[in-house]
Amino acid sequence: MTEQKGKLFVLSAPSGAGKTTLAKRVMEIHPDLRVATSYTTREKRSGEIQDVDYFFVDHEEFETLLVAGEFLEHAEVFGNFYGTGRRQVETLREAGHNVLLEIDWQGARQVRDKQPDCCSILILPPSIAALEERLRLRETDSEDVIRHRLSEAVDDISHWKEFDHVVINDDLELAIATLNDVMIHDGDDTKTTNPDLRRKVDALLARDGG
């Protein structure tokens, strides 16, 4: 009997929407869920482990992999390159494992083009005002950085219709339950084709001047 192919979940969110927290909680619920290890050209930091935290490569090797079509998605961030290995994801899925990718909307678009059977999920804050409050509570960013992140967030949210599902992270426990339901049942309530969901997100953008 052939083992059923695993699912590919693509999770995206503007900075501060709670994507990392939600992903960690979902991983606790589904310990069999696999997270693909990304490639990066940045320097390894203290405590990071090669082939565990990242596949650390130099620019030349990254370029070689890119030209060979070895990435499902890739991006440049502050002069360093990051990418998700196509072969690793496909191997995990063929072995029957469900795979989770945490990437931005641009990376999600690249993955959808190459793996159209993936399930793409966008995590949103209940409002831009709530997002601003969360960013300020971190007390890690300057005012300029916060304003830049908020501007980027509005742009990120504007691409919401490209995703299969939207989960609004207003209440953490409810958002976890909703995300879990999406991954198990592919529910209709969060689908971006759902008129009620569309009204909610349009209202979110309109209320914040988007």
N, C-alpha and C. Protein backbone atom coordinates (compact mmCIF):
# COMPACT_ATOMS: atom_id res chain seq x y z
N MET A 1 0.85 -1.19 0.00
CA MET A 1 0.00 0.00 0.00
C MET A 1 0.89 1.24 0.00
N THR A 2 0.56 2.20 -0.90
CA THR A 2 1.34 3.43 -0.99
C THR A 2 0.94 4.38 0.13
N GLU A 3 1.92 4.92 0.83
CA GLU A 3 1.65 5.84 1.92
C GLU A 3 1.07 7.13 1.37
N GLN A 4 0.03 7.66 2.03
CA GLN A 4 -0.60 8.88 1.56
C GLN A 4 0.37 10.05 1.64
N LYS A 5 0.38 10.86 0.59
CA LYS A 5 1.27 12.01 0.55
C LYS A 5 0.87 13.02 1.62
N GLY A 6 1.87 13.58 2.31
CA GLY A 6 1.61 14.57 3.35
C GLY A 6 1.16 15.89 2.77
N LYS A 7 0.52 16.69 3.60
CA LYS A 7 0.05 18.00 3.20
C LYS A 7 1.14 19.05 3.43
N LEU A 8 1.06 20.13 2.68
CA LEU A 8 1.98 21.25 2.85
C LEU A 8 1.18 22.47 3.28
N PHE A 9 1.48 22.98 4.48
CA PHE A 9 0.82 24.16 5.02
C PHE A 9 1.79 25.34 4.97
N VAL A 10 1.31 26.45 4.42
CA VAL A 10 2.13 27.66 4.31
C VAL A 10 1.50 28.72 5.21
N LEU A 11 2.26 29.14 6.22
CA LEU A 11 1.75 30.09 7.21
C LEU A 11 2.47 31.43 7.07
N SER A 12 1.68 32.50 6.86
CA SER A 12 2.24 33.84 6.70
C SER A 12 1.51 34.81 7.61
N ALA A 13 2.14 35.95 7.87
CA ALA A 13 1.53 36.97 8.72
C ALA A 13 2.38 38.22 8.70
N PRO A 14 1.77 39.39 8.90
CA PRO A 14 2.57 40.60 9.11
C PRO A 14 3.27 40.50 10.46
N SER A 15 4.38 41.20 10.62
CA SER A 15 5.15 41.18 11.86
C SER A 15 4.27 41.61 13.03
N GLY A 16 4.28 40.79 14.10
CA GLY A 16 3.51 41.12 15.29
C GLY A 16 2.13 40.50 15.36
N ALA A 17 1.74 39.77 14.31
CA ALA A 17 0.39 39.17 14.29
C ALA A 17 0.31 37.88 15.09
N GLY A 18 1.47 37.32 15.49
CA GLY A 18 1.45 36.13 16.33
C GLY A 18 1.71 34.82 15.62
N LYS A 19 2.27 34.89 14.42
CA LYS A 19 2.50 33.68 13.62
C LYS A 19 3.39 32.67 14.33
N THR A 20 4.50 33.13 14.90
CA THR A 20 5.45 32.21 15.52
C THR A 20 4.83 31.51 16.72
N THR A 21 4.10 32.26 17.54
CA THR A 21 3.43 31.66 18.69
C THR A 21 2.41 30.62 18.26
N LEU A 22 1.62 30.94 17.25
CA LEU A 22 0.61 30.01 16.75
C LEU A 22 1.27 28.76 16.18
N ALA A 23 2.36 28.94 15.43
CA ALA A 23 3.05 27.79 14.85
C ALA A 23 3.59 26.87 15.94
N LYS A 24 4.17 27.44 17.00
CA LYS A 24 4.70 26.62 18.10
C LYS A 24 3.59 25.82 18.77
N ARG A 25 2.44 26.45 18.98
CA ARG A 25 1.35 25.77 19.65
C ARG A 25 0.77 24.65 18.77
N VAL A 26 0.69 24.90 17.48
CA VAL A 26 0.20 23.87 16.56
C VAL A 26 1.17 22.70 16.51
N MET A 27 2.48 23.00 16.58
CA MET A 27 3.48 21.94 16.60
C MET A 27 3.33 21.07 17.85
N GLU A 28 2.92 21.68 18.96
CA GLU A 28 2.70 20.91 20.18
C GLU A 28 1.49 20.00 20.03
N ILE A 29 0.47 20.48 19.33
CA ILE A 29 -0.73 19.68 19.10
C ILE A 29 -0.45 18.55 18.12
N HIS A 30 0.40 18.82 17.14
CA HIS A 30 0.73 17.83 16.10
C HIS A 30 2.24 17.58 16.08
N PRO A 31 2.75 16.78 17.00
CA PRO A 31 4.20 16.53 17.07
C PRO A 31 4.76 15.84 15.83
N ASP A 32 3.87 15.27 15.00
CA ASP A 32 4.32 14.63 13.76
C ASP A 32 4.50 15.64 12.63
N LEU A 33 4.07 16.88 12.86
CA LEU A 33 4.21 17.93 11.85
C LEU A 33 5.68 18.30 11.69
N ARG A 34 6.15 18.42 10.47
CA ARG A 34 7.55 18.74 10.20
C ARG A 34 7.70 20.18 9.74
N VAL A 35 8.77 20.81 10.18
CA VAL A 35 9.10 22.17 9.73
C VAL A 35 10.36 22.08 8.87
N ALA A 36 10.27 22.57 7.66
CA ALA A 36 11.43 22.50 6.76
C ALA A 36 12.54 23.42 7.25
N THR A 37 13.77 22.95 7.19
CA THR A 37 14.93 23.75 7.57
C THR A 37 15.33 24.64 6.40
N SER A 38 15.43 25.93 6.63
CA SER A 38 15.75 26.88 5.57
C SER A 38 17.25 26.97 5.31
N TYR A 39 17.58 27.37 4.10
CA TYR A 39 18.96 27.72 3.74
C TYR A 39 19.16 29.21 3.99
N THR A 40 20.35 29.59 4.41
CA THR A 40 20.65 31.01 4.55
C THR A 40 22.14 31.27 4.31
N THR A 41 22.41 32.49 3.84
CA THR A 41 23.81 32.90 3.63
C THR A 41 24.33 33.73 4.80
N ARG A 42 23.48 34.00 5.79
CA ARG A 42 23.97 34.80 6.91
C ARG A 42 24.88 33.97 7.82
N GLU A 43 25.66 34.66 8.62
CA GLU A 43 26.59 34.00 9.52
C GLU A 43 25.83 33.24 10.62
N LYS A 44 26.37 32.11 11.02
CA LYS A 44 25.79 31.33 12.10
C LYS A 44 25.98 32.06 13.42
N ARG A 45 24.91 32.17 14.19
CA ARG A 45 24.97 32.84 15.48
C ARG A 45 25.32 31.85 16.59
N SER A 46 25.74 32.39 17.71
CA SER A 46 26.10 31.55 18.86
C SER A 46 24.93 30.67 19.27
N GLY A 47 25.19 29.39 19.39
CA GLY A 47 24.16 28.45 19.81
C GLY A 47 23.41 27.79 18.67
N GLU A 48 23.53 28.36 17.47
CA GLU A 48 22.83 27.76 16.33
C GLU A 48 23.61 26.55 15.81
N ILE A 49 22.86 25.58 15.29
CA ILE A 49 23.46 24.32 14.85
C ILE A 49 23.24 24.14 13.36
N GLN A 50 24.32 23.85 12.66
CA GLN A 50 24.27 23.60 11.22
C GLN A 50 23.35 22.42 10.93
N ASP A 51 22.50 22.57 9.91
CA ASP A 51 21.55 21.55 9.45
C ASP A 51 20.40 21.32 10.42
N VAL A 52 20.35 22.11 11.51
CA VAL A 52 19.23 22.02 12.45
C VAL A 52 18.47 23.34 12.45
N ASP A 53 19.16 24.41 12.81
CA ASP A 53 18.53 25.73 12.77
C ASP A 53 18.40 26.23 11.33
N TYR A 54 19.47 26.07 10.58
CA TYR A 54 19.52 26.43 9.17
C TYR A 54 20.54 25.55 8.47
N PHE A 55 20.44 25.52 7.15
CA PHE A 55 21.53 25.04 6.32
C PHE A 55 22.34 26.29 5.98
N PHE A 56 23.46 26.47 6.64
CA PHE A 56 24.28 27.67 6.40
C PHE A 56 25.18 27.42 5.19
N VAL A 57 25.03 28.28 4.17
CA VAL A 57 25.82 28.16 2.94
C VAL A 57 26.36 29.53 2.57
N ASP A 58 27.37 29.55 1.70
CA ASP A 58 27.88 30.85 1.24
C ASP A 58 27.06 31.30 0.03
N HIS A 59 27.32 32.53 -0.42
CA HIS A 59 26.54 33.10 -1.52
C HIS A 59 26.68 32.29 -2.80
N GLU A 60 27.88 31.79 -3.05
CA GLU A 60 28.11 31.03 -4.28
C GLU A 60 27.28 29.74 -4.29
N GLU A 61 27.26 29.03 -3.17
CA GLU A 61 26.48 27.79 -3.10
C GLU A 61 24.98 28.09 -3.20
N PHE A 62 24.55 29.17 -2.57
CA PHE A 62 23.14 29.54 -2.65
C PHE A 62 22.74 29.82 -4.10
N GLU A 63 23.58 30.56 -4.80
CA GLU A 63 23.31 30.90 -6.20
C GLU A 63 23.26 29.64 -7.06
N THR A 64 24.16 28.69 -6.79
CA THR A 64 24.17 27.42 -7.54
C THR A 64 22.86 26.67 -7.33
N LEU A 65 22.40 26.61 -6.07
CA LEU A 65 21.13 25.93 -5.76
C LEU A 65 19.95 26.64 -6.41
N LEU A 66 20.00 27.96 -6.41
CA LEU A 66 18.92 28.74 -7.00
C LEU A 66 18.82 28.49 -8.50
N VAL A 67 19.95 28.54 -9.19
CA VAL A 67 19.97 28.31 -10.64
C VAL A 67 19.50 26.90 -10.98
N ALA A 68 19.80 25.95 -10.09
CA ALA A 68 19.41 24.56 -10.32
C ALA A 68 17.94 24.30 -9.99
N GLY A 69 17.22 25.32 -9.53
CA GLY A 69 15.80 25.17 -9.22
C GLY A 69 15.54 24.40 -7.94
N GLU A 70 16.48 24.50 -7.00
CA GLU A 70 16.37 23.73 -5.77
C GLU A 70 15.54 24.41 -4.67
N PHE A 71 15.04 25.62 -4.94
CA PHE A 71 14.27 26.32 -3.91
C PHE A 71 12.79 26.41 -4.28
N LEU A 72 11.93 26.13 -3.30
CA LEU A 72 10.50 26.39 -3.48
C LEU A 72 10.24 27.88 -3.43
N GLU A 73 11.01 28.57 -2.60
CA GLU A 73 10.91 30.02 -2.48
C GLU A 73 12.22 30.54 -1.94
N HIS A 74 12.49 31.80 -2.24
CA HIS A 74 13.71 32.42 -1.72
C HIS A 74 13.50 33.92 -1.62
N ALA A 75 14.30 34.56 -0.79
CA ALA A 75 14.19 36.01 -0.62
C ALA A 75 15.49 36.56 -0.09
N GLU A 76 15.70 37.86 -0.31
CA GLU A 76 16.85 38.56 0.27
C GLU A 76 16.36 39.43 1.40
N VAL A 77 16.97 39.31 2.56
CA VAL A 77 16.60 40.10 3.74
C VAL A 77 17.86 40.72 4.33
N PHE A 78 17.92 42.05 4.28
CA PHE A 78 19.07 42.79 4.82
C PHE A 78 20.40 42.25 4.29
N GLY A 79 20.46 41.99 3.00
CA GLY A 79 21.70 41.58 2.36
C GLY A 79 22.01 40.10 2.44
N ASN A 80 21.20 39.35 3.17
CA ASN A 80 21.38 37.90 3.26
C ASN A 80 20.25 37.19 2.53
N PHE A 81 20.56 36.00 2.01
CA PHE A 81 19.56 35.25 1.26
C PHE A 81 19.03 34.09 2.10
N TYR A 82 17.73 33.82 1.92
CA TYR A 82 17.07 32.71 2.60
C TYR A 82 16.27 31.93 1.57
N GLY A 83 16.17 30.62 1.76
CA GLY A 83 15.41 29.81 0.82
C GLY A 83 14.91 28.52 1.43
N THR A 84 13.80 28.02 0.92
CA THR A 84 13.23 26.74 1.35
C THR A 84 13.57 25.69 0.31
N GLY A 85 14.25 24.63 0.72
CA GLY A 85 14.67 23.59 -0.21
C GLY A 85 13.51 22.77 -0.74
N ARG A 86 13.39 22.71 -2.05
CA ARG A 86 12.31 21.95 -2.68
C ARG A 86 12.42 20.47 -2.38
N ARG A 87 13.64 19.92 -2.45
CA ARG A 87 13.82 18.48 -2.31
C ARG A 87 13.46 18.00 -0.90
N GLN A 88 13.83 18.78 0.11
CA GLN A 88 13.53 18.39 1.48
C GLN A 88 12.01 18.31 1.70
N VAL A 89 11.30 19.33 1.23
CA VAL A 89 9.85 19.36 1.40
C VAL A 89 9.20 18.20 0.67
N GLU A 90 9.62 17.96 -0.56
CA GLU A 90 9.03 16.87 -1.34
C GLU A 90 9.32 15.51 -0.72
N THR A 91 10.52 15.33 -0.19
CA THR A 91 10.88 14.05 0.45
C THR A 91 10.02 13.80 1.68
N LEU A 92 9.84 14.84 2.50
CA LEU A 92 9.00 14.71 3.69
C LEU A 92 7.56 14.38 3.32
N ARG A 93 7.05 15.06 2.31
CA ARG A 93 5.66 14.82 1.90
C ARG A 93 5.47 13.43 1.31
N GLU A 94 6.42 13.01 0.51
CA GLU A 94 6.32 11.67 -0.10
C GLU A 94 6.37 10.58 0.96
N ALA A 95 7.03 10.88 2.10
CA ALA A 95 7.10 9.92 3.20
C ALA A 95 5.84 9.96 4.07
N GLY A 96 4.91 10.82 3.72
CA GLY A 96 3.64 10.88 4.43
C GLY A 96 3.56 11.92 5.53
N HIS A 97 4.62 12.76 5.65
CA HIS A 97 4.63 13.77 6.70
C HIS A 97 3.94 15.06 6.23
N ASN A 98 3.17 15.67 7.11
CA ASN A 98 2.66 17.01 6.85
C ASN A 98 3.79 18.00 7.16
N VAL A 99 3.89 19.04 6.35
CA VAL A 99 5.00 20.00 6.46
C VAL A 99 4.45 21.40 6.65
N LEU A 100 5.09 22.17 7.54
CA LEU A 100 4.70 23.56 7.80
C LEU A 100 5.83 24.49 7.39
N LEU A 101 5.49 25.51 6.61
CA LEU A 101 6.45 26.56 6.25
C LEU A 101 5.98 27.87 6.85
N GLU A 102 6.89 28.60 7.50
CA GLU A 102 6.60 29.94 8.02
C GLU A 102 7.34 30.93 7.14
N ILE A 103 6.63 31.59 6.25
CA ILE A 103 7.27 32.50 5.29
C ILE A 103 6.37 33.71 5.04
N ASP A 104 6.91 34.74 4.38
CA ASP A 104 6.11 35.93 4.11
C ASP A 104 5.22 35.71 2.89
N TRP A 105 4.38 36.70 2.59
CA TRP A 105 3.41 36.53 1.52
C TRP A 105 4.07 36.34 0.15
N GLN A 106 5.24 36.95 -0.02
CA GLN A 106 5.94 36.80 -1.30
C GLN A 106 6.45 35.36 -1.47
N GLY A 107 7.00 34.81 -0.37
CA GLY A 107 7.42 33.42 -0.41
C GLY A 107 6.25 32.49 -0.60
N ALA A 108 5.12 32.82 0.05
CA ALA A 108 3.92 32.00 -0.09
C ALA A 108 3.45 31.97 -1.54
N ARG A 109 3.56 33.09 -2.21
CA ARG A 109 3.17 33.15 -3.63
C ARG A 109 4.05 32.23 -4.47
N GLN A 110 5.36 32.23 -4.19
CA GLN A 110 6.28 31.35 -4.93
C GLN A 110 5.95 29.87 -4.69
N VAL A 111 5.65 29.53 -3.43
CA VAL A 111 5.33 28.14 -3.10
C VAL A 111 4.04 27.71 -3.80
N ARG A 112 3.04 28.57 -3.80
CA ARG A 112 1.77 28.22 -4.46
C ARG A 112 1.97 27.94 -5.94
N ASP A 113 2.88 28.70 -6.56
CA ASP A 113 3.15 28.48 -7.98
C ASP A 113 3.78 27.11 -8.23
N LYS A 114 4.63 26.67 -7.29
CA LYS A 114 5.36 25.41 -7.48
C LYS A 114 4.69 24.21 -6.83
N GLN A 115 3.90 24.46 -5.79
CA GLN A 115 3.19 23.38 -5.10
C GLN A 115 1.73 23.82 -4.95
N PRO A 116 0.98 23.81 -6.05
CA PRO A 116 -0.39 24.36 -6.02
C PRO A 116 -1.36 23.60 -5.12
N ASP A 117 -0.97 22.43 -4.65
CA ASP A 117 -1.84 21.68 -3.73
C ASP A 117 -1.62 22.07 -2.28
N CYS A 118 -0.77 23.06 -2.03
CA CYS A 118 -0.51 23.49 -0.65
C CYS A 118 -1.74 24.21 -0.08
N CYS A 119 -1.77 24.32 1.23
CA CYS A 119 -2.83 25.06 1.92
C CYS A 119 -2.18 26.31 2.51
N SER A 120 -2.53 27.48 1.98
CA SER A 120 -1.90 28.72 2.43
C SER A 120 -2.82 29.45 3.41
N ILE A 121 -2.24 29.87 4.54
CA ILE A 121 -3.00 30.47 5.63
C ILE A 121 -2.34 31.78 6.04
N LEU A 122 -3.12 32.84 6.08
CA LEU A 122 -2.61 34.15 6.51
C LEU A 122 -3.17 34.46 7.90
N ILE A 123 -2.27 34.78 8.83
CA ILE A 123 -2.66 35.18 10.18
C ILE A 123 -2.75 36.70 10.21
N LEU A 124 -3.88 37.23 10.67
CA LEU A 124 -4.05 38.68 10.74
C LEU A 124 -4.37 39.14 12.16
N PRO A 125 -3.97 40.35 12.49
CA PRO A 125 -4.38 40.95 13.77
C PRO A 125 -5.83 41.41 13.63
N PRO A 126 -6.51 41.68 14.74
CA PRO A 126 -7.89 42.17 14.64
C PRO A 126 -7.98 43.58 14.06
N SER A 127 -6.88 44.32 14.15
CA SER A 127 -6.83 45.68 13.60
C SER A 127 -5.37 46.13 13.55
N ILE A 128 -5.11 47.16 12.77
CA ILE A 128 -3.76 47.73 12.73
C ILE A 128 -3.43 48.38 14.07
N ALA A 129 -4.45 48.95 14.73
CA ALA A 129 -4.23 49.54 16.04
C ALA A 129 -3.77 48.49 17.05
N ALA A 130 -4.39 47.32 17.00
CA ALA A 130 -4.00 46.23 17.90
C ALA A 130 -2.59 45.76 17.58
N LEU A 131 -2.27 45.73 16.29
CA LEU A 131 -0.92 45.33 15.88
C LEU A 131 0.11 46.33 16.40
N GLU A 132 -0.20 47.61 16.29
CA GLU A 132 0.72 48.65 16.79
C GLU A 132 0.94 48.48 18.29
N GLU A 133 -0.13 48.20 19.02
CA GLU A 133 -0.01 48.01 20.47
C GLU A 133 0.90 46.83 20.78
N ARG A 134 0.76 45.73 20.04
CA ARG A 134 1.60 44.55 20.27
C ARG A 134 3.06 44.87 19.99
N LEU A 135 3.32 45.60 18.93
CA LEU A 135 4.70 45.94 18.58
C LEU A 135 5.32 46.84 19.65
N ARG A 136 4.54 47.75 20.19
CA ARG A 136 5.06 48.64 21.23
C ARG A 136 5.30 47.91 22.54
N LEU A 137 4.45 46.92 22.84
CA LEU A 137 4.62 46.17 24.07
C LEU A 137 5.90 45.33 24.07
N ARG A 138 6.41 45.02 22.89
CA ARG A 138 7.67 44.28 22.81
C ARG A 138 8.82 45.08 23.42
N GLU A 139 8.76 46.42 23.22
CA GLU A 139 9.80 47.32 23.70
C GLU A 139 11.18 46.93 23.16
N THR A 140 11.20 46.49 21.90
CA THR A 140 12.47 46.11 21.27
C THR A 140 12.81 46.97 20.06
N ASP A 141 11.83 47.72 19.55
CA ASP A 141 12.04 48.47 18.32
C ASP A 141 11.94 49.97 18.54
N SER A 142 12.68 50.71 17.73
CA SER A 142 12.59 52.17 17.78
C SER A 142 11.28 52.62 17.13
N GLU A 143 10.97 53.90 17.29
CA GLU A 143 9.75 54.45 16.69
C GLU A 143 9.78 54.30 15.17
N ASP A 144 10.93 54.56 14.55
CA ASP A 144 11.06 54.43 13.09
C ASP A 144 10.81 52.99 12.64
N VAL A 145 11.35 52.04 13.39
CA VAL A 145 11.17 50.63 13.04
C VAL A 145 9.70 50.24 13.18
N ILE A 146 9.05 50.71 14.23
CA ILE A 146 7.63 50.39 14.43
C ILE A 146 6.79 50.95 13.28
N ARG A 147 7.06 52.20 12.90
CA ARG A 147 6.29 52.80 11.79
C ARG A 147 6.54 52.03 10.49
N HIS A 148 7.78 51.59 10.30
CA HIS A 148 8.10 50.82 9.09
C HIS A 148 7.38 49.47 9.11
N ARG A 149 7.36 48.82 10.25
CA ARG A 149 6.68 47.52 10.36
C ARG A 149 5.18 47.67 10.13
N LEU A 150 4.60 48.74 10.62
CA LEU A 150 3.17 48.97 10.41
C LEU A 150 2.85 49.22 8.94
N SER A 151 3.72 49.98 8.29
CA SER A 151 3.55 50.23 6.85
C SER A 151 3.63 48.92 6.07
N GLU A 152 4.62 48.10 6.43
CA GLU A 152 4.76 46.79 5.78
C GLU A 152 3.55 45.91 6.06
N ALA A 153 3.01 46.00 7.27
CA ALA A 153 1.86 45.18 7.64
C ALA A 153 0.66 45.49 6.77
N VAL A 154 0.41 46.75 6.52
CA VAL A 154 -0.71 47.15 5.66
C VAL A 154 -0.53 46.55 4.27
N ASP A 155 0.70 46.59 3.77
CA ASP A 155 0.99 46.00 2.46
C ASP A 155 0.78 44.49 2.49
N ASP A 156 1.26 43.84 3.56
CA ASP A 156 1.09 42.38 3.70
C ASP A 156 -0.39 42.02 3.68
N ILE A 157 -1.18 42.73 4.46
CA ILE A 157 -2.61 42.42 4.57
C ILE A 157 -3.32 42.61 3.24
N SER A 158 -2.84 43.55 2.42
CA SER A 158 -3.51 43.82 1.14
C SER A 158 -3.47 42.63 0.19
N HIS A 159 -2.62 41.64 0.49
CA HIS A 159 -2.50 40.45 -0.36
C HIS A 159 -3.33 39.28 0.17
N TRP A 160 -4.24 39.54 1.09
CA TRP A 160 -4.94 38.46 1.78
C TRP A 160 -5.76 37.58 0.86
N LYS A 161 -6.28 38.12 -0.22
CA LYS A 161 -7.13 37.33 -1.12
C LYS A 161 -6.34 36.26 -1.88
N GLU A 162 -5.00 36.34 -1.85
CA GLU A 162 -4.18 35.33 -2.52
C GLU A 162 -4.14 34.02 -1.72
N PHE A 163 -4.52 34.08 -0.45
CA PHE A 163 -4.42 32.91 0.43
C PHE A 163 -5.70 32.09 0.41
N ASP A 164 -5.56 30.82 0.82
CA ASP A 164 -6.73 29.94 0.92
C ASP A 164 -7.57 30.26 2.14
N HIS A 165 -6.89 30.58 3.25
CA HIS A 165 -7.58 30.83 4.51
C HIS A 165 -7.01 32.06 5.20
N VAL A 166 -7.84 32.71 6.02
CA VAL A 166 -7.41 33.79 6.89
C VAL A 166 -7.87 33.46 8.31
N VAL A 167 -6.93 33.54 9.25
CA VAL A 167 -7.25 33.37 10.67
C VAL A 167 -6.95 34.68 11.37
N ILE A 168 -7.96 35.28 12.00
CA ILE A 168 -7.77 36.55 12.71
C ILE A 168 -7.42 36.24 14.16
N ASN A 169 -6.23 36.68 14.56
CA ASN A 169 -5.71 36.39 15.89
C ASN A 169 -6.11 37.50 16.87
N ASP A 170 -7.36 37.43 17.31
CA ASP A 170 -7.85 38.37 18.31
C ASP A 170 -7.71 37.77 19.71
N ASP A 171 -8.16 36.54 19.85
CA ASP A 171 -8.01 35.76 21.07
C ASP A 171 -7.10 34.58 20.77
N LEU A 172 -5.96 34.47 21.47
CA LEU A 172 -4.94 33.48 21.14
C LEU A 172 -5.48 32.06 21.13
N GLU A 173 -6.18 31.65 22.18
CA GLU A 173 -6.66 30.28 22.26
C GLU A 173 -7.66 29.97 21.15
N LEU A 174 -8.52 30.94 20.84
CA LEU A 174 -9.48 30.75 19.75
C LEU A 174 -8.75 30.67 18.41
N ALA A 175 -7.71 31.50 18.23
CA ALA A 175 -6.95 31.46 16.98
C ALA A 175 -6.24 30.13 16.81
N ILE A 176 -5.72 29.57 17.90
CA ILE A 176 -5.07 28.26 17.85
C ILE A 176 -6.07 27.20 17.43
N ALA A 177 -7.25 27.23 18.06
CA ALA A 177 -8.29 26.25 17.73
C ALA A 177 -8.73 26.39 16.28
N THR A 178 -8.85 27.63 15.81
CA THR A 178 -9.27 27.88 14.43
C THR A 178 -8.22 27.39 13.45
N LEU A 179 -6.95 27.70 13.73
CA LEU A 179 -5.86 27.24 12.86
C LEU A 179 -5.80 25.72 12.83
N ASN A 180 -5.96 25.10 13.97
CA ASN A 180 -5.96 23.64 14.05
C ASN A 180 -7.10 23.06 13.22
N ASP A 181 -8.27 23.69 13.28
CA ASP A 181 -9.42 23.24 12.51
C ASP A 181 -9.16 23.35 11.01
N VAL A 182 -8.51 24.44 10.61
CA VAL A 182 -8.16 24.61 9.19
C VAL A 182 -7.27 23.46 8.73
N MET A 183 -6.27 23.12 9.54
CA MET A 183 -5.30 22.10 9.15
C MET A 183 -5.91 20.70 9.13
N ILE A 184 -6.92 20.48 9.96
CA ILE A 184 -7.53 19.15 10.01
C ILE A 184 -8.71 19.03 9.06
N HIS A 185 -9.57 20.06 9.06
CA HIS A 185 -10.84 19.94 8.33
C HIS A 185 -10.96 20.85 7.12
N ASP A 186 -10.01 21.80 6.95
CA ASP A 186 -10.10 22.73 5.81
C ASP A 186 -11.47 23.43 5.82
N GLY A 187 -11.84 23.95 7.00
CA GLY A 187 -13.18 24.52 7.19
C GLY A 187 -13.50 25.69 6.29
N ASP A 188 -14.81 25.88 6.06
CA ASP A 188 -15.28 26.94 5.16
C ASP A 188 -15.25 28.32 5.79
N ASP A 189 -15.37 28.40 7.13
CA ASP A 189 -15.51 29.70 7.79
C ASP A 189 -14.31 30.61 7.54
N THR A 190 -13.14 30.03 7.39
CA THR A 190 -11.92 30.84 7.22
C THR A 190 -11.47 30.96 5.78
N LYS A 191 -12.20 30.36 4.86
CA LYS A 191 -11.79 30.44 3.46
C LYS A 191 -11.97 31.86 2.93
N THR A 192 -11.02 32.31 2.13
CA THR A 192 -11.08 33.67 1.61
C THR A 192 -12.19 33.86 0.58
N THR A 193 -12.83 32.77 0.18
CA THR A 193 -14.00 32.87 -0.70
C THR A 193 -15.29 33.06 0.10
N ASN A 194 -15.19 32.94 1.42
CA ASN A 194 -16.36 33.07 2.29
C ASN A 194 -16.77 34.55 2.39
N PRO A 195 -18.01 34.88 2.02
CA PRO A 195 -18.45 36.28 2.04
C PRO A 195 -18.34 36.93 3.42
N ASP A 196 -18.65 36.18 4.49
CA ASP A 196 -18.56 36.74 5.84
C ASP A 196 -17.11 37.08 6.19
N LEU A 197 -16.20 36.18 5.85
CA LEU A 197 -14.77 36.43 6.10
C LEU A 197 -14.30 37.64 5.31
N ARG A 198 -14.72 37.74 4.08
CA ARG A 198 -14.33 38.88 3.24
C ARG A 198 -14.79 40.20 3.84
N ARG A 199 -16.00 40.21 4.38
CA ARG A 199 -16.51 41.43 5.00
C ARG A 199 -15.68 41.81 6.23
N LYS A 200 -15.27 40.80 7.02
CA LYS A 200 -14.47 41.05 8.21
C LYS A 200 -13.13 41.70 7.85
N VAL A 201 -12.47 41.14 6.84
CA VAL A 201 -11.15 41.67 6.48
C VAL A 201 -11.28 43.04 5.80
N ASP A 202 -12.30 43.21 4.95
CA ASP A 202 -12.52 44.51 4.34
C ASP A 202 -12.78 45.57 5.40
N ALA A 203 -13.53 45.19 6.45
CA ALA A 203 -13.81 46.12 7.54
C ALA A 203 -12.53 46.45 8.31
N LEU A 204 -11.67 45.45 8.51
CA LEU A 204 -10.40 45.65 9.19
C LEU A 204 -9.56 46.67 8.44
N LEU A 205 -9.48 46.52 7.13
CA LEU A 205 -8.69 47.44 6.31
C LEU A 205 -9.32 48.83 6.25
N ALA A 206 -10.66 48.87 6.12
CA ALA A 206 -11.35 50.17 6.02
C ALA A 206 -11.22 50.94 7.32
N ARG A 207 -11.34 50.23 8.46
CA ARG A 207 -11.26 50.87 9.78
C ARG A 207 -9.89 51.49 10.01
N ASP A 208 -8.85 50.88 9.36
CA ASP A 208 -7.51 51.37 9.58
C ASP A 208 -6.99 52.19 8.42
N GLY A 209 -7.91 52.56 7.52
CA GLY A 209 -7.51 53.41 6.43
C GLY A 209 -6.82 52.68 5.30
N GLY A 210 -6.95 51.27 5.25
CA GLY A 210 -6.30 50.52 4.21
C GLY A 210 -7.07 50.50 2.93
